[in-house]
C-alpha atoms as a PDB file:
ATOM      1  CA  MET A   1      86.475 149.373 132.228  1.00  0.00           C
ATOM      2  CA  SER A   2      85.755 147.769 128.853  1.00  0.00           C
ATOM      3  CA  HIS A   3      84.084 144.448 128.189  1.00  0.00           C
ATOM      4  CA  TRP A   4      85.585 142.181 125.522  1.00  0.00           C
ATOM      5  CA  GLU A   5      83.706 139.093 124.308  1.00  0.00           C
ATOM      6  CA  CYS A   6      85.416 136.071 122.729  1.00  0.00           C
ATOM      7  CA  GLY A   7      83.778 135.320 119.383  1.00  0.00           C
ATOM      8  CA  VAL A   8      84.519 131.585 119.734  1.00  0.00           C
ATOM      9  CA  CYS A   9      83.385 130.541 123.211  1.00  0.00           C
ATOM     10  CA  GLY A  10      81.635 133.698 124.518  1.00  0.00           C
ATOM     11  CA  TYR A  11      84.059 134.371 127.378  1.00  0.00           C
ATOM     12  CA  VAL A  12      83.800 138.007 128.615  1.00  0.00           C
ATOM     13  CA  HIS A  13      87.033 139.774 129.579  1.00  0.00           C
ATOM     14  CA  LYS A  14      86.732 142.922 131.740  1.00  0.00           C
ATOM     15  CA  GLU A  15      89.844 145.007 131.144  1.00  0.00           C
ATOM     16  CA  GLU A  16      90.877 147.995 129.093  1.00  0.00           C
ATOM     17  CA  LYS A  17      92.355 145.726 126.405  1.00  0.00           C
ATOM     18  CA  PRO A  18      91.491 142.180 125.267  1.00  0.00           C
ATOM     19  CA  PRO A  19      93.806 139.333 126.361  1.00  0.00           C
ATOM     20  CA  GLU A  20      96.430 137.931 124.014  1.00  0.00           C
ATOM     21  CA  ALA A  21      94.636 134.567 124.115  1.00  0.00           C
ATOM     22  CA  CYS A  22      91.280 133.464 125.492  1.00  0.00           C
ATOM     23  CA  PRO A  23      91.814 131.593 128.804  1.00  0.00           C
ATOM     24  CA  VAL A  24      88.961 129.217 127.912  1.00  0.00           C
ATOM     25  CA  CYS A  25      89.386 128.278 124.243  1.00  0.00           C
ATOM     26  CA  GLU A  26      92.800 129.904 123.524  1.00  0.00           C
ATOM     27  CA  ALA A  27      91.382 131.978 120.658  1.00  0.00           C
ATOM     28  CA  PRO A  28      93.760 134.803 119.601  1.00  0.00           C
ATOM     29  CA  GLU A  29      93.260 138.470 120.511  1.00  0.00           C
ATOM     30  CA  LYS A  30      91.703 139.295 117.131  1.00  0.00           C
ATOM     31  CA  MET A  31      88.705 137.071 117.941  1.00  0.00           C
ATOM     32  CA  PHE A  32      87.601 139.463 120.746  1.00  0.00           C
ATOM     33  CA  THR A  33      85.087 142.229 120.118  1.00  0.00           C
ATOM     34  CA  GLU A  34      84.284 145.101 122.464  1.00  0.00           C
ATOM     35  CA  LYS A  35      80.811 145.027 123.988  1.00  0.00           C
ATOM     36  CA  PRO A  36      78.962 148.306 124.596  1.00  0.00           C
ATOM     37  CA  ALA A  37      78.722 149.299 128.237  1.00  0.00           C
ATOM     38  CA  GLU A  38      75.460 148.238 129.832  1.00  0.00           C
ATOM     39  CA  PRO A  39      73.302 151.084 131.211  1.00  0.00           C
ATOM     40  CA  GLN A  40      73.209 151.209 134.985  1.00  0.00           C
ATOM     41  CA  GLN A  41      69.775 150.940 136.511  1.00  0.00           C
ATOM     42  CA  VAL A  42      68.751 153.092 139.527  1.00  0.00           C
ATOM     43  CA  GLU A  43      65.824 151.950 141.581  1.00  0.00           C
ATOM     44  CA  PRO A  44      63.323 154.616 142.740  1.00  0.00           C
ATOM     45  CA  GLN A  45      63.635 156.037 146.224  1.00  0.00           C
ATOM     46  CA  GLN A  46      61.658 154.242 148.870  1.00  0.00           C
ATOM     47  CA  ALA A  47      60.757 155.505 152.322  1.00  0.00           C
ATOM     48  CA  ASN A  48      61.880 153.497 155.324  1.00  0.00           C
ATOM     49  CA  ASP A  49      60.327 153.218 158.718  1.00  0.00           C
ATOM     50  CA  SER A  50      62.094 156.346 160.017  1.00  0.00           C
ATOM     51  CA  GLY A  51      60.638 158.473 157.271  1.00  0.00           C
ATOM     52  CA  THR A  52      63.916 158.977 155.457  1.00  0.00           C
ATOM     53  CA  THR A  53      64.450 157.836 151.957  1.00  0.00           C
ATOM     54  CA  ALA A  54      66.935 155.171 150.963  1.00  0.00           C
ATOM     55  CA  VAL A  55      68.544 155.257 147.567  1.00  0.00           C
ATOM     56  CA  THR A  56      69.428 151.893 146.114  1.00  0.00           C
ATOM     57  CA  THR A  57      72.926 151.728 144.806  1.00  0.00           C
ATOM     58  CA  ASN A  58      73.561 150.985 141.178  1.00  0.00           C
ATOM     59  CA  ARG A  59      73.576 147.319 140.387  1.00  0.00           C
ATOM     60  CA  SER A  60      74.889 145.732 137.235  1.00  0.00           C
ATOM     61  CA  GLU A  61      73.035 142.798 135.747  1.00  0.00           C
ATOM     62  CA  PRO A  62      74.627 139.390 136.195  1.00  0.00           C
ATOM     63  CA  ALA A  63      77.007 138.284 133.467  1.00  0.00           C
ATOM     64  CA  ASP A  64      75.655 136.072 130.719  1.00  0.00           C
ATOM     65  CA  PRO A  65      76.040 132.357 131.395  1.00  0.00           C
ATOM     66  CA  PRO A  66      78.889 130.679 129.505  1.00  0.00           C
ATOM     67  CA  LYS A  67      77.953 129.524 126.046  1.00  0.00           C
ATOM     68  CA  GLN A  68      77.625 125.802 125.561  1.00  0.00           C
ATOM     69  CA  VAL A  69      80.183 124.059 123.425  1.00  0.00           C
ATOM     70  CA  LYS A  70      79.183 121.433 120.925  1.00  0.00           C
ATOM     71  CA  THR A  71      80.888 118.656 119.049  1.00  0.00           C
ATOM     72  CA  TRP A  72      80.962 119.048 115.275  1.00  0.00           C
ATOM     73  CA  ARG A  73      81.832 116.271 112.819  1.00  0.00           C
ATOM     74  CA  CYS A  74      83.162 116.877 109.312  1.00  0.00           C
ATOM     75  CA  THR A  75      80.941 114.868 106.957  1.00  0.00           C
ATOM     76  CA  VAL A  76      83.839 114.473 104.517  1.00  0.00           C
ATOM     77  CA  SER A  77      86.781 113.281 106.626  1.00  0.00           C
ATOM     78  CA  GLY A  78      85.126 112.478 109.982  1.00  0.00           C
ATOM     79  CA  TYR A  79      87.249 115.048 111.868  1.00  0.00           C
ATOM     80  CA  LEU A  80      85.724 116.031 115.241  1.00  0.00           C
ATOM     81  CA  HIS A  81      85.799 119.666 116.375  1.00  0.00           C
ATOM     82  CA  THR A  82      84.736 120.960 119.801  1.00  0.00           C
ATOM     83  CA  GLY A  83      83.494 124.534 120.045  1.00  0.00           C
ATOM     84  CA  VAL A  84      80.487 126.819 120.001  1.00  0.00           C
ATOM     85  CA  GLU A  85      80.568 126.949 116.199  1.00  0.00           C
ATOM     86  CA  PRO A  86      82.159 124.660 113.583  1.00  0.00           C
ATOM     87  CA  PRO A  87      85.554 125.764 112.232  1.00  0.00           C
ATOM     88  CA  GLU A  88      85.732 127.804 109.051  1.00  0.00           C
ATOM     89  CA  LYS A  89      87.694 125.009 107.390  1.00  0.00           C
ATOM     90  CA  CYS A  90      88.428 121.368 108.259  1.00  0.00           C
ATOM     91  CA  PRO A  91      92.157 120.990 109.094  1.00  0.00           C
ATOM     92  CA  ILE A  92      92.215 117.566 107.418  1.00  0.00           C
ATOM     93  CA  CYS A  93      90.290 117.900 104.145  1.00  0.00           C
ATOM     94  CA  GLU A  94      89.680 121.687 104.079  1.00  0.00           C
ATOM     95  CA  ALA A  95      85.909 121.240 103.888  1.00  0.00           C
ATOM     96  CA  THR A  96      83.956 124.420 104.665  1.00  0.00           C
ATOM     97  CA  ALA A  97      81.893 125.033 107.806  1.00  0.00           C
ATOM     98  CA  ASP A  98      78.641 124.052 106.108  1.00  0.00           C
ATOM     99  CA  GLN A  99      80.061 120.539 105.674  1.00  0.00           C
ATOM    100  CA  PHE A 100      80.070 120.030 109.471  1.00  0.00           C
ATOM    101  CA  GLU A 101      77.170 118.516 111.403  1.00  0.00           C
ATOM    102  CA  GLU A 102      76.467 118.662 115.116  1.00  0.00           C
ATOM    103  CA  VAL A 103      77.091 115.493 117.125  1.00  0.00           C
ATOM    104  CA  THR A 104      74.270 115.193 119.637  1.00  0.00           C
ATOM    105  CA  ASP A 105      75.436 113.671 122.888  1.00  0.00           C
ATOM    106  CA  THR A 106      75.245 114.505 126.576  1.00  0.00           C
ATOM    107  CA  ASP A 107      78.642 116.224 126.599  1.00  0.00           C
ATOM    108  CA  SER A 108      77.534 118.837 124.065  1.00  0.00           C
ATOM    109  CA  HIS A 109      75.324 120.581 126.677  1.00  0.00           C
ATOM    110  CA  LEU A 110      78.001 121.028 129.350  1.00  0.00           C
ATOM    111  CA  PRO A 111      79.763 124.330 130.050  1.00  0.00           C
ATOM    112  CA  VAL A 112      83.146 124.926 128.478  1.00  0.00           C
ATOM    113  CA  ALA A 113      85.268 124.233 131.546  1.00  0.00           C
ATOM    114  CA  GLN A 114      83.397 121.059 132.457  1.00  0.00           C
ATOM    115  CA  THR A 115      83.517 119.678 128.919  1.00  0.00           C
ATOM    116  CA  GLU A 116      87.262 120.117 128.693  1.00  0.00           C
ATOM    117  CA  LYS A 117      87.763 118.155 131.900  1.00  0.00           C
ATOM    118  CA  GLU A 118      85.458 115.290 131.005  1.00  0.00           C
ATOM    119  CA  THR A 119      86.489 114.493 127.455  1.00  0.00           C
ATOM    120  CA  ALA A 120      86.350 110.790 126.664  1.00  0.00           C
ATOM    121  CA  ALA A 121      89.502 108.829 125.962  1.00  0.00           C
ATOM    122  CA  ARG A 122      90.400 108.192 122.324  1.00  0.00           C
ATOM    123  CA  TRP A 123      91.833 104.968 120.922  1.00  0.00           C
ATOM    124  CA  LYS A 124      93.380 104.327 117.516  1.00  0.00           C
ATOM    125  CA  CYS A 125      93.529 100.993 115.733  1.00  0.00           C
ATOM    126  CA  THR A 126      97.154 100.480 114.707  1.00  0.00           C
ATOM    127  CA  VAL A 127      96.050  98.305 111.789  1.00  0.00           C
ATOM    128  CA  CYS A 128      93.581 100.486 109.866  1.00  0.00           C
ATOM    129  CA  GLY A 129      93.629 103.806 111.771  1.00  0.00           C
ATOM    130  CA  TYR A 130      90.029 103.672 113.040  1.00  0.00           C
ATOM    131  CA  ILE A 131      89.420 106.123 115.945  1.00  0.00           C
ATOM    132  CA  HIS A 132      87.288 104.947 118.887  1.00  0.00           C
ATOM    133  CA  GLU A 133      86.071 107.176 121.732  1.00  0.00           C
ATOM    134  CA  GLY A 134      85.379 105.613 125.112  1.00  0.00           C
ATOM    135  CA  ASP A 135      86.895 104.581 128.402  1.00  0.00           C
ATOM    136  CA  ALA A 136      88.294 101.394 126.828  1.00  0.00           C
ATOM    137  CA  PRO A 137      89.014 100.185 123.283  1.00  0.00           C
ATOM    138  CA  PRO A 138      86.369  98.031 121.559  1.00  0.00           C
ATOM    139  CA  ALA A 139      86.660  94.258 121.698  1.00  0.00           C
ATOM    140  CA  LYS A 140      87.029  94.231 117.917  1.00  0.00           C
ATOM    141  CA  CYS A 141      87.731  96.977 115.387  1.00  0.00           C
ATOM    142  CA  PRO A 142      84.524  97.595 113.386  1.00  0.00           C
ATOM    143  CA  VAL A 143      86.564  98.256 110.227  1.00  0.00           C
ATOM    144  CA  CYS A 144      89.311  95.612 110.060  1.00  0.00           C
ATOM    145  CA  ALA A 145      88.239  93.279 112.925  1.00  0.00           C
ATOM    146  CA  ALA A 146      91.564  93.709 114.749  1.00  0.00           C
ATOM    147  CA  PRO A 147      91.412  92.749 118.466  1.00  0.00           C
ATOM    148  CA  ALA A 148      91.453  95.264 121.333  1.00  0.00           C
ATOM    149  CA  SER A 149      95.178  94.644 121.877  1.00  0.00           C
ATOM    150  CA  MET A 150      95.881  96.429 118.573  1.00  0.00           C
ATOM    151  CA  PHE A 151      94.511  99.756 119.902  1.00  0.00           C
ATOM    152  CA  VAL A 152      96.652 102.498 121.468  1.00  0.00           C
ATOM    153  CA  PRO A 153      95.461 105.633 123.339  1.00  0.00           C
ATOM    154  CA  ILE A 154      95.921 108.942 121.519  1.00  0.00           C
ATOM    155  CA  ASP A 155      95.661 112.606 122.481  1.00  0.00           C
ATOM    156  CA  GLU A 156      93.398 115.265 120.964  1.00  0.00           C
ATOM    157  CA  GLU A 157      95.854 115.839 118.112  1.00  0.00           C
ATOM    158  CA  GLY A 158      96.027 112.133 117.251  1.00  0.00           C
ATOM    159  CA  ASN A 159      99.503 111.470 118.683  1.00  0.00           C
ATOM    160  CA  ASP A 160     100.106 108.056 120.241  1.00  0.00           C
ATOM    161  CA  LEU A 161     100.296 108.064 124.044  1.00  0.00           C
ATOM    162  CA  ALA A 162     101.781 104.559 124.149  1.00  0.00           C
ATOM    163  CA  GLU A 163     104.017 102.429 121.986  1.00  0.00           C
ATOM    164  CA  PRO A 164     102.175 100.440 119.288  1.00  0.00           C
ATOM    165  CA  PRO A 165     101.881  96.733 120.079  1.00  0.00           C
ATOM    166  CA  LYS A 166     104.476  94.492 118.541  1.00  0.00           C
ATOM    167  CA  VAL A 167     103.061  92.002 116.065  1.00  0.00           C
ATOM    168  CA  ALA A 168     104.889  88.957 114.807  1.00  0.00           C
ATOM    169  CA  VAL A 169     104.897  89.576 111.057  1.00  0.00           C
ATOM    170  CA  GLU A 170     106.256  86.957 108.709  1.00  0.00           C
ATOM    171  CA  PRO A 171     109.267  88.386 106.872  1.00  0.00           C
ATOM    172  CA  ILE A 172     108.732  89.147 103.197  1.00  0.00           C
ATOM    173  CA  SER A 173     111.232  86.955 101.407  1.00  0.00           C
ATOM    174  CA  LEU A 174     111.497  84.554  98.529  1.00  0.00           C
ATOM    175  CA  PRO A 175     113.338  81.207  98.595  1.00  0.00           C
ATOM    176  CA  ILE A 176     116.043  82.323  96.176  1.00  0.00           C
ATOM    177  CA  GLY A 177     118.673  80.025  97.628  1.00  0.00           C
ATOM    178  CA  GLY A 178     121.635  80.743  99.885  1.00  0.00           C
ATOM    179  CA  LYS A 179     121.713  83.084 102.893  1.00  0.00           C
ATOM    180  CA  LYS A 180     123.128  86.020 100.922  1.00  0.00           C
ATOM    181  CA  LYS A 181     120.528  85.739  98.202  1.00  0.00           C
ATOM    182  CA  LYS A 182     117.735  85.433 100.770  1.00  0.00           C
ATOM    183  CA  LYS A 183     118.862  88.656 102.467  1.00  0.00           C
ATOM    184  CA  ILE A 184     119.019  90.426  99.109  1.00  0.00           C
ATOM    185  CA  GLY A 185     115.543  89.161  98.227  1.00  0.00           C
ATOM    186  CA  THR A 186     114.172  90.340 101.578  1.00  0.00           C
ATOM    187  CA  ARG A 187     115.697  93.803 101.129  1.00  0.00           C
ATOM    188  CA  ILE A 188     114.332  94.120  97.601  1.00  0.00           C
ATOM    189  CA  LEU A 189     110.810  93.149  98.630  1.00  0.00           C
ATOM    190  CA  GLY A 190     111.019  95.394 101.694  1.00  0.00           C
ATOM    191  CA  TRP A 191     112.005  98.278  99.422  1.00  0.00           C
ATOM    192  CA  LEU A 192     109.150  97.417  97.049  1.00  0.00           C
ATOM    193  CA  ALA A 193     106.707  97.377  99.978  1.00  0.00           C
ATOM    194  CA  SER A 194     107.799 100.848 101.122  1.00  0.00           C
ATOM    195  CA  LEU A 195     107.625 102.145  97.550  1.00  0.00           C
ATOM    196  CA  SER A 196     104.163 100.625  97.096  1.00  0.00           C
ATOM    197  CA  LEU A 197     102.860 102.401 100.198  1.00  0.00           C
ATOM    198  CA  LYS A 198     104.484 105.701  99.294  1.00  0.00           C
ATOM    199  CA  LEU A 199     103.125 105.774  95.717  1.00  0.00           C
ATOM    200  CA  HIS A 200      99.836 103.945  96.498  1.00  0.00           C
ATOM    201  CA  LEU A 201     100.631 101.353  93.832  1.00  0.00           C
ATOM    202  CA  HIS A 202      97.966  98.872  94.943  1.00  0.00           C
ATOM    203  CA  PRO A 203      94.905 101.132  94.485  1.00  0.00           C
ATOM    204  CA  ILE A 204      96.395 102.469  91.237  1.00  0.00           C
ATOM    205  CA  SER A 205      96.985  99.016  89.742  1.00  0.00           C
ATOM    206  CA  ALA A 206      93.661  97.642  91.045  1.00  0.00           C
ATOM    207  CA  HIS A 207      91.665 100.322  89.226  1.00  0.00           C
ATOM    208  CA  PHE A 208      92.717  99.024  85.804  1.00  0.00           C
ATOM    209  CA  PRO A 209      91.183  95.510  85.975  1.00  0.00           C
ATOM    210  CA  ASN A 210      88.283  96.707  88.138  1.00  0.00           C
ATOM    211  CA  GLY A 211      87.285  99.138  85.417  1.00  0.00           C
ATOM    212  CA  ILE A 212      87.634  96.577  82.620  1.00  0.00           C
ATOM    213  CA  LEU A 213      85.934  93.536  84.199  1.00  0.00           C
ATOM    214  CA  PRO A 214      82.388  95.011  84.076  1.00  0.00           C
ATOM    215  CA  ALA A 215      82.934  95.820  80.388  1.00  0.00           C
ATOM    216  CA  VAL A 216      84.059  92.223  79.801  1.00  0.00           C
ATOM    217  CA  VAL A 217      80.833  90.824  81.255  1.00  0.00           C
ATOM    218  CA  ILE A 218      78.694  93.279  79.263  1.00  0.00           C
ATOM    219  CA  PHE A 219      80.479  92.431  76.006  1.00  0.00           C
ATOM    220  CA  LEU A 220      80.107  88.694  76.697  1.00  0.00           C
ATOM    221  CA  LEU A 221      76.365  89.041  77.317  1.00  0.00           C
ATOM    222  CA  MET A 222      75.920  91.115  74.170  1.00  0.00           C
ATOM    223  CA  ALA A 223      77.976  88.629  72.151  1.00  0.00           C
ATOM    224  CA  VAL A 224      75.754  85.750  73.286  1.00  0.00           C
ATOM    225  CA  PHE A 225      72.309  87.351  73.056  1.00  0.00           C
ATOM    226  CA  LEU A 226      73.042  89.339  69.877  1.00  0.00           C
ATOM    227  CA  GLU A 227      75.034  86.439  68.373  1.00  0.00           C
ATOM    228  CA  ASN A 228      77.826  88.867  67.517  1.00  0.00           C
ATOM    229  CA  ALA A 229      81.268  87.250  67.320  1.00  0.00           C
ATOM    230  CA  VAL A 230      83.041  90.631  67.147  1.00  0.00           C
ATOM    231  CA  LEU A 231      81.817  91.583  70.637  1.00  0.00           C
ATOM    232  CA  GLY A 232      83.082  88.234  71.921  1.00  0.00           C
ATOM    233  CA  THR A 233      86.516  89.050  70.492  1.00  0.00           C
ATOM    234  CA  VAL A 234      86.441  92.473  72.181  1.00  0.00           C
ATOM    235  CA  ALA A 235      85.679  90.809  75.522  1.00  0.00           C
ATOM    236  CA  TYR A 236      88.497  88.323  74.978  1.00  0.00           C
ATOM    237  CA  CYS A 237      91.049  91.100  74.294  1.00  0.00           C
ATOM    238  CA  ASN A 238      90.006  92.847  77.504  1.00  0.00           C
ATOM    239  CA  LEU A 239      90.403  89.568  79.409  1.00  0.00           C
ATOM    240  CA  ILE A 240      93.978  89.233  78.159  1.00  0.00           C
ATOM    241  CA  PHE A 241      94.800  92.755  79.384  1.00  0.00           C
ATOM    242  CA  THR A 242      93.199  91.964  82.753  1.00  0.00           C
ATOM    243  CA  LEU A 243      95.274  88.789  83.053  1.00  0.00           C
ATOM    244  CA  ILE A 244      98.429  90.838  82.461  1.00  0.00           C
ATOM    245  CA  MET A 245      97.486  93.394  85.136  1.00  0.00           C
ATOM    246  CA  LEU A 246      96.441  90.947  87.871  1.00  0.00           C
ATOM    247  CA  PRO A 247      99.962  89.899  89.030  1.00  0.00           C
ATOM    248  CA  PRO A 248     100.968  93.510  89.922  1.00  0.00           C
ATOM    249  CA  VAL A 249      97.629  93.942  91.698  1.00  0.00           C
ATOM    250  CA  LEU A 250      98.123  90.811  93.798  1.00  0.00           C
ATOM    251  CA  LEU A 251     101.782  91.580  94.552  1.00  0.00           C
ATOM    252  CA  THR A 252     101.170  95.171  95.682  1.00  0.00           C
ATOM    253  CA  GLY A 253      98.137  94.036  97.667  1.00  0.00           C
ATOM    254  CA  TYR A 254     100.199  91.424  99.499  1.00  0.00           C
ATOM    255  CA  LEU A 255     102.985  93.935 100.216  1.00  0.00           C
ATOM    256  CA  GLU A 256     100.513  96.499 101.551  1.00  0.00           C
ATOM    257  CA  TRP A 257      98.839  93.874 103.731  1.00  0.00           C
ATOM    258  CA  GLN A 258     102.195  92.923 105.254  1.00  0.00           C
ATOM    259  CA  LYS A 259     103.572  96.453 105.601  1.00  0.00           C
ATOM    260  CA  ARG A 260     100.584  98.670 106.417  1.00  0.00           C
ATOM    261  CA  TYR A 261      98.219  96.184 108.067  1.00  0.00           C
ATOM    262  CA  LYS A 262     100.948  94.109 109.751  1.00  0.00           C
ATOM    263  CA  GLY A 263      99.803  90.908 108.030  1.00  0.00           C
ATOM    264  CA  ILE A 264      96.914  90.489 110.469  1.00  0.00           C
ATOM    265  CA  LYS A 265      94.775  87.456 109.588  1.00  0.00           C
ATOM    266  CA  SER A 266      91.300  88.826 110.316  1.00  0.00           C
ATOM    267  CA  ALA A 267      88.150  87.910 108.393  1.00  0.00           C
ATOM    268  CA  ILE A 268      88.211  90.999 106.181  1.00  0.00           C
ATOM    269  CA  PHE A 269      91.733  90.300 104.893  1.00  0.00           C
ATOM    270  CA  ILE A 270      91.164  86.566 104.444  1.00  0.00           C
ATOM    271  CA  THR A 271      87.979  87.274 102.464  1.00  0.00           C
ATOM    272  CA  LYS A 272      89.698  89.922 100.353  1.00  0.00           C
ATOM    273  CA  ILE A 273      92.614  87.618  99.507  1.00  0.00           C
ATOM    274  CA  THR A 274      90.232  84.751  98.712  1.00  0.00           C
ATOM    275  CA  CYS A 275      88.241  86.960  96.331  1.00  0.00           C
ATOM    276  CA  ALA A 276      91.435  88.077  94.588  1.00  0.00           C
ATOM    277  CA  VAL A 277      92.472  84.450  94.040  1.00  0.00           C
ATOM    278  CA  ILE A 278      88.994  83.627  92.680  1.00  0.00           C
ATOM    279  CA  VAL A 279      89.234  86.510  90.199  1.00  0.00           C
ATOM    280  CA  LEU A 280      92.659  85.314  89.033  1.00  0.00           C
ATOM    281  CA  PHE A 281      91.368  81.744  88.685  1.00  0.00           C
ATOM    282  CA  CYS A 282      88.277  82.789  86.696  1.00  0.00           C
ATOM    283  CA  VAL A 283      90.223  85.070  84.356  1.00  0.00           C
ATOM    284  CA  ASN A 284      92.646  82.244  83.565  1.00  0.00           C
ATOM    285  CA  ILE A 285      89.727  79.906  82.834  1.00  0.00           C
ATOM    286  CA  LEU A 286      88.044  82.430  80.525  1.00  0.00           C
ATOM    287  CA  VAL A 287      91.252  83.208  78.623  1.00  0.00           C
ATOM    288  CA  PHE A 288      92.585  79.692  78.129  1.00  0.00           C
ATOM    289  CA  TRP A 289      89.160  78.136  77.550  1.00  0.00           C
ATOM    290  CA  ARG A 290      88.804  80.449  74.554  1.00  0.00           C
ATOM    291  CA  VAL A 291      92.252  79.336  73.356  1.00  0.00           C
ATOM    292  CA  ILE A 292      91.287  75.645  73.584  1.00  0.00           C
ATOM    293  CA  ASP A 293      87.758  76.122  72.222  1.00  0.00           C
ATOM    294  CA  PRO A 294      87.404  79.325  70.131  1.00  0.00           C
ATOM    295  CA  GLN A 295      83.705  78.523  69.547  1.00  0.00           C
ATOM    296  CA  VAL A 296      82.779  78.377  73.232  1.00  0.00           C
ATOM    297  CA  LEU A 297      80.463  81.403  72.802  1.00  0.00           C
ATOM    298  CA  ALA A 298      78.822  80.107  69.641  1.00  0.00           C
ATOM    299  CA  PRO A 299      75.039  79.478  69.827  1.00  0.00           C
ATOM    300  CA  GLU A 300      75.515  75.742  69.304  1.00  0.00           C
ATOM    301  CA  SER A 301      78.155  75.437  72.072  1.00  0.00           C
ATOM    302  CA  PRO A 302      76.916  73.396  75.103  1.00  0.00           C
ATOM    303  CA  TYR A 303      79.311  75.335  77.385  1.00  0.00           C
ATOM    304  CA  GLN A 304      78.074  78.814  76.503  1.00  0.00           C
ATOM    305  CA  LEU A 305      76.139  79.339  79.755  1.00  0.00           C
ATOM    306  CA  VAL A 306      78.956  77.825  81.835  1.00  0.00           C
ATOM    307  CA  TYR A 307      81.344  80.354  80.297  1.00  0.00           C
ATOM    308  CA  LEU A 308      78.967  83.198  81.161  1.00  0.00           C
ATOM    309  CA  ALA A 309      78.474  81.874  84.704  1.00  0.00           C
ATOM    310  CA  THR A 310      82.253  81.869  85.203  1.00  0.00           C
ATOM    311  CA  SER A 311      82.373  85.529  84.197  1.00  0.00           C
ATOM    312  CA  GLY A 312      79.569  86.221  86.698  1.00  0.00           C
ATOM    313  CA  VAL A 313      81.558  84.620  89.530  1.00  0.00           C
ATOM    314  CA  MET A 314      84.575  86.673  88.452  1.00  0.00           C
ATOM    315  CA  ILE A 315      82.767  90.029  88.588  1.00  0.00           C
ATOM    316  CA  ALA A 316      81.086  89.168  91.911  1.00  0.00           C
ATOM    317  CA  ALA A 317      84.423  88.302  93.555  1.00  0.00           C
ATOM    318  CA  ALA A 318      85.986  91.505  92.192  1.00  0.00           C
ATOM    319  CA  ALA A 319      83.083  93.561  93.582  1.00  0.00           C
ATOM    320  CA  ILE A 320      83.426  92.016  97.052  1.00  0.00           C
ATOM    321  CA  ALA A 321      87.192  92.615  97.084  1.00  0.00           C
ATOM    322  CA  GLY A 322      86.666  96.237  96.025  1.00  0.00           C
ATOM    323  CA  HIS A 323      83.994  96.763  98.679  1.00  0.00           C
ATOM    324  CA  LEU A 324      86.260  95.435 101.437  1.00  0.00           C
ATOM    325  CA  GLY A 325      89.142  97.575 100.186  1.00  0.00           C
ATOM    326  CA  GLY A 326      86.923 100.637 100.328  1.00  0.00           C
ATOM    327  CA  LYS A 327      85.849  99.704 103.845  1.00  0.00           C
ATOM    328  CA  LEU A 328      89.487  99.556 104.956  1.00  0.00           C
ATOM    329  CA  VAL A 329      90.315 102.937 103.433  1.00  0.00           C
ATOM    330  CA  PHE A 330      87.109 104.877 104.102  1.00  0.00           C
ATOM    331  CA  GLY A 331      85.653 102.915 107.025  1.00  0.00           C
ATOM    332  CA  THR A 332      86.429 105.671 109.539  1.00  0.00           C
ATOM    333  CA  ARG A 333      84.439 108.303 107.667  1.00  0.00           C
ATOM    334  CA  ASN A 334      80.954 109.241 108.665  1.00  0.00           C
ATOM    335  CA  SER A 335      78.271 107.407 106.701  1.00  0.00           C
ATOM    336  CA  GLN A 336      75.896 109.635 104.795  1.00  0.00           C
END
């Protein structure tokens, strides 16, 4: 009789051929390797009370204890894998095995069979997609601050085990006038919302002003402290481009909030929207102030520092909005 060992979980199969699939971890037949037969040990003869000798029968050593499974987390995507070793490649982001780290918890030291029976329940936030493990969902989502009612149980593959909660979302429509025109406006904006999510129009459009605003502040500071009017003109041209790009950013952001995040009015979304409005307000002030007073950056101007302070508020609000957006998108990943 041959001994076949599973290379994933360590299960030993005692037959002439390996099984088609491991009964413990369901690894395929190719993951089994044949173990060499263990030498049989014969104990020396010992005399008994009657003077005859008794020969101890051959005894095989006890089988190795089952290997302990561990939980491994992908440091790139946050994917959790349960097994003796990390997978060769992450099924989500295709990161290699060296990008996985062991999750140390009490369940990682249990045998294979016991661990499979006592896996914790998993809950998914239907707003931002955050995954929570525990007997019950958290009182508040740590990423988007959605309440516990917005969580649904999921299986090991991430499929919903219950219907997502229904949320009263305000319809996306514009007061165009007339019932027919309102329906047409609602359909158009609904189509735009779906297109925005499919093509990721909000992050694409937001990168343009976010990349230019820091340059605007730097050019303004250089124009003031170096007394260089040309640098002030460069900053002004960049402000005009930013003002042109802000409406698409705000529109796609609003559509994504309504469509993807169900229009939930939690603190993170209210803060993000407020920061976006502040950026729009400050950019308008900086552009039209320069139109009214072209010498606002001149050394003799009494409003020079006020103009610079407005640009500082603008860049701070843009940074906060970008940070919150990153938290919504990457909040479920493991922090480094």
